[in-house]
Amino acid sequence: MNVCVFCASSQKIDQKYIDLATDVGTELAGRGHTLVSGGATVSCMGAVGAATRAAGGRTVGVIPQVLVDIEVADNDSDELIVTTGMRERKAAMDARSDAFLVLPGGIGTLEELFEIWTARVLGIHDRPLVILDPWGLYDPLRRLIENMHEAGFTRADVFDAIAWTTTVDEAFAHLEGSAKPVRPSVAELEEP
């Protein structure tokens, strides 16, 4: 299976996020999957690619020319696809992927998440979409989407289209189809 991993490229984040990306890359290769990623060498993106290859896995990097020009391309990728821009990059990643795993990240990661999530809710695809969030970075997002649903802005199946997980094993169970997404309630998302 080709697993697309959306994750951070920021070099200002805590090391625990880099370590999580490393664990994901190692697990991905250990399960015989191919990594599809944003094709950069920095932060979580670089860590997941390097770990996948170190564990014997195959990597496909997809990167726009503008990032190649500033020398962040993962030239060690088994296959490196250079696109003309960000929209072409996302389309190429989408076309190459059987499942999507979202790690903690910034607005670029959110953009990728929302595009795939929206397409899944609309029935454009039925590929697994999983968020792996051990430290609750995306908890405010979960609350926002629940509130949007309650106000009538989202479809009832918005949470059926995504799995929210906190461990690598749980994330891969969802990606591989051995677990079912569970919709959180607002009460579960409230701060203690």
Protein backbone atom coordinates (compact mmCIF):
# COMPACT_ATOMS: atom_id res chain seq x y z
CA MET A 1 0.00 0.00 0.00
CA ASN A 2 1.19 3.53 -0.78
CA VAL A 3 0.69 5.66 2.33
CA CYS A 4 0.80 9.42 1.93
CA VAL A 5 2.09 11.15 5.06
CA PHE A 6 1.29 14.82 5.56
CA CYS A 7 3.50 16.40 8.22
CA ALA A 8 5.54 19.39 9.36
CA SER A 9 8.42 21.02 7.57
CA SER A 10 9.09 23.55 10.35
CA GLN A 11 12.49 23.34 11.97
CA LYS A 12 11.29 25.16 15.10
CA ILE A 13 9.20 22.33 16.55
CA ASP A 14 9.87 20.09 19.55
CA GLN A 15 12.00 16.99 18.91
CA LYS A 16 9.11 14.72 19.94
CA TYR A 17 7.39 15.49 16.61
CA ILE A 18 10.52 14.50 14.66
CA ASP A 19 10.73 11.31 16.73
CA LEU A 20 7.08 10.53 15.93
CA ALA A 21 7.77 10.94 12.20
CA THR A 22 10.78 8.63 12.56
CA ASP A 23 8.64 6.01 14.32
CA VAL A 24 6.01 6.27 11.56
CA GLY A 25 8.61 5.79 8.82
CA THR A 26 10.08 2.76 10.57
CA GLU A 27 6.64 1.21 11.10
CA LEU A 28 5.56 1.97 7.54
CA ALA A 29 8.55 0.15 6.09
CA GLY A 30 8.22 -2.70 8.58
CA ARG A 31 4.68 -3.31 7.36
CA GLY A 32 5.82 -3.37 3.73
CA HIS A 33 4.22 -0.08 2.67
CA THR A 34 5.61 2.63 0.40
CA LEU A 35 5.86 6.20 1.66
CA VAL A 36 4.50 9.05 -0.44
CA SER A 37 5.58 12.39 1.03
CA GLY A 38 6.24 16.03 0.28
CA GLY A 39 9.77 15.17 -0.83
CA ALA A 40 11.74 17.49 1.46
CA THR A 41 14.67 16.77 3.77
CA VAL A 42 13.63 19.07 6.59
CA SER A 43 11.84 18.44 9.89
CA CYS A 44 9.23 15.67 10.04
CA MET A 45 9.17 15.33 6.25
CA GLY A 46 12.85 14.49 6.17
CA ALA A 47 12.62 12.24 9.22
CA VAL A 48 9.79 10.07 7.88
CA GLY A 49 11.59 9.58 4.55
CA ALA A 50 14.96 8.78 6.08
CA ALA A 51 13.43 6.36 8.60
CA THR A 52 11.41 4.58 5.92
CA ARG A 53 14.53 4.00 3.82
CA ALA A 54 16.65 3.04 6.86
CA ALA A 55 14.10 0.30 7.62
CA GLY A 56 14.22 -0.98 4.03
CA GLY A 57 11.12 0.78 2.70
CA ARG A 58 10.52 2.58 -0.58
CA THR A 59 9.92 6.35 -0.72
CA VAL A 60 8.26 8.56 -3.31
CA GLY A 61 8.84 12.28 -2.80
CA VAL A 62 6.76 14.92 -4.54
CA ILE A 63 8.14 18.45 -4.40
CA PRO A 64 7.57 21.70 -6.29
CA GLN A 65 10.46 23.21 -8.23
CA VAL A 66 10.56 26.27 -5.93
CA LEU A 67 11.58 24.00 -3.02
CA VAL A 68 14.11 22.15 -5.15
CA ASP A 69 15.64 25.54 -5.93
CA ILE A 70 16.24 26.26 -2.23
CA GLU A 71 17.91 22.84 -1.84
CA VAL A 72 15.48 21.03 0.44
CA ALA A 73 14.63 18.20 -2.01
CA ASP A 74 15.03 14.66 -0.69
CA ASN A 75 17.35 13.47 -3.43
CA ASP A 76 17.70 10.12 -1.65
CA SER A 77 14.05 9.30 -2.45
CA ASP A 78 13.62 6.16 -4.51
CA GLU A 79 11.51 8.31 -6.80
CA LEU A 80 11.49 12.11 -6.71
CA ILE A 81 8.75 13.85 -8.66
CA VAL A 82 9.28 17.57 -9.27
CA THR A 83 6.12 19.56 -9.98
CA THR A 84 5.58 23.09 -11.24
CA GLY A 85 3.70 24.20 -8.12
CA MET A 86 1.92 23.27 -4.91
CA ARG A 87 -1.40 22.34 -6.55
CA GLU A 88 0.33 19.92 -8.91
CA ARG A 89 2.25 18.53 -5.93
CA LYS A 90 -0.94 17.71 -4.03
CA ALA A 91 -2.54 16.19 -7.12
CA ALA A 92 0.49 13.94 -7.70
CA MET A 93 0.56 12.86 -4.05
CA ASP A 94 -3.17 12.11 -4.17
CA ALA A 95 -2.84 10.11 -7.39
CA ARG A 96 -0.03 7.96 -5.94
CA SER A 97 -1.69 7.17 -2.60
CA ASP A 98 -3.90 4.38 -1.27
CA ALA A 99 -4.25 5.93 2.21
CA PHE A 100 -3.46 9.17 4.03
CA LEU A 101 -1.82 9.70 7.42
CA VAL A 102 -1.71 13.18 8.95
CA LEU A 103 0.89 13.94 11.61
CA PRO A 104 1.12 17.18 13.59
CA GLY A 105 1.91 20.07 11.26
CA GLY A 106 1.17 23.64 10.28
CA ILE A 107 -1.10 25.34 7.78
CA GLY A 108 0.31 23.40 4.82
CA THR A 109 -0.55 20.15 6.59
CA LEU A 110 -4.02 21.48 7.37
CA GLU A 111 -4.54 22.43 3.72
CA GLU A 112 -3.63 18.90 2.63
CA LEU A 113 -5.84 17.38 5.34
CA PHE A 114 -8.87 19.47 4.41
CA GLU A 115 -8.61 18.74 0.70
CA ILE A 116 -8.49 14.97 1.23
CA TRP A 117 -11.10 15.09 4.01
CA THR A 118 -13.53 17.13 1.91
CA ALA A 119 -13.14 14.78 -1.05
CA ARG A 120 -13.83 11.80 1.22
CA VAL A 121 -16.97 13.38 2.72
CA LEU A 122 -18.22 14.17 -0.79
CA GLY A 123 -17.68 10.55 -1.87
CA ILE A 124 -14.95 11.40 -4.39
CA HIS A 125 -12.76 8.72 -2.80
CA ASP A 126 -13.06 6.15 -0.02
CA ARG A 127 -9.40 5.78 0.92
CA PRO A 128 -8.52 5.73 4.64
CA LEU A 129 -7.74 9.11 6.23
CA VAL A 130 -6.12 9.01 9.67
CA ILE A 131 -4.82 11.70 12.00
CA LEU A 132 -2.07 10.61 14.40
CA ASP A 133 -2.00 13.14 17.23
CA PRO A 134 -0.46 11.83 20.47
CA TRP A 135 -0.29 15.25 22.17
CA GLY A 136 -3.63 16.77 21.21
CA LEU A 137 -2.45 19.47 18.80
CA TYR A 138 -5.59 18.94 16.70
CA ASP A 139 -8.07 18.81 19.62
CA PRO A 140 -9.24 22.41 18.95
CA LEU A 141 -9.83 21.41 15.32
CA ARG A 142 -11.99 18.49 16.43
CA ARG A 143 -14.03 20.81 18.62
CA LEU A 144 -14.38 23.33 15.79
CA ILE A 145 -15.66 20.71 13.33
CA GLU A 146 -18.08 19.34 15.93
CA ASN A 147 -19.38 22.86 16.58
CA MET A 148 -19.69 23.47 12.82
CA HIS A 149 -21.68 20.26 12.51
CA GLU A 150 -23.99 21.23 15.35
CA ALA A 151 -24.57 24.61 13.66
CA GLY A 152 -25.45 22.87 10.37
CA PHE A 153 -22.32 23.74 8.39
CA THR A 154 -21.05 20.17 7.88
CA ARG A 155 -22.61 16.91 6.85
CA ALA A 156 -23.51 14.31 9.45
CA ASP A 157 -20.83 11.96 8.15
CA VAL A 158 -17.94 14.43 8.52
CA PHE A 159 -16.40 12.39 11.35
CA ASP A 160 -17.14 9.06 9.66
CA ALA A 161 -14.64 10.03 6.96
CA ILE A 162 -11.66 10.29 9.30
CA ALA A 163 -10.02 8.41 12.18
CA TRP A 164 -8.41 10.29 15.07
CA THR A 165 -5.66 8.26 16.74
CA THR A 166 -2.99 8.73 19.40
CA THR A 167 -0.57 5.83 18.78
CA VAL A 168 1.34 4.56 15.78
CA ASP A 169 -0.22 1.09 16.14
CA GLU A 170 -3.74 2.52 16.28
CA ALA A 171 -3.07 4.70 13.23
CA PHE A 172 -1.86 1.75 11.16
CA ALA A 173 -4.83 -0.37 12.26
CA HIS A 174 -7.09 2.27 10.72
CA LEU A 175 -4.94 2.69 7.61
CA GLU A 176 -4.93 -1.05 6.99
CA GLY A 177 -8.68 -1.39 7.58
CA SER A 178 -8.69 -3.42 10.78
CA ALA A 179 -10.28 -0.65 12.87
CA LYS A 180 -13.29 1.61 12.38
CA PRO A 181 -13.33 5.39 12.95
CA VAL A 182 -15.01 6.54 16.14
CA ARG A 183 -16.77 9.88 16.22
CA PRO A 184 -15.85 11.93 19.31
CA SER A 185 -18.48 13.75 21.29
CA VAL A 186 -18.13 17.39 22.34
CA ALA A 187 -17.95 16.25 25.96
CA GLU A 188 -14.91 14.07 25.16
CA LEU A 189 -13.19 17.06 23.59
CA GLU A 190 -13.79 19.47 26.45
CA GLU A 191 -10.81 20.52 28.53
CA PRO A 192 -10.78 18.81 31.98
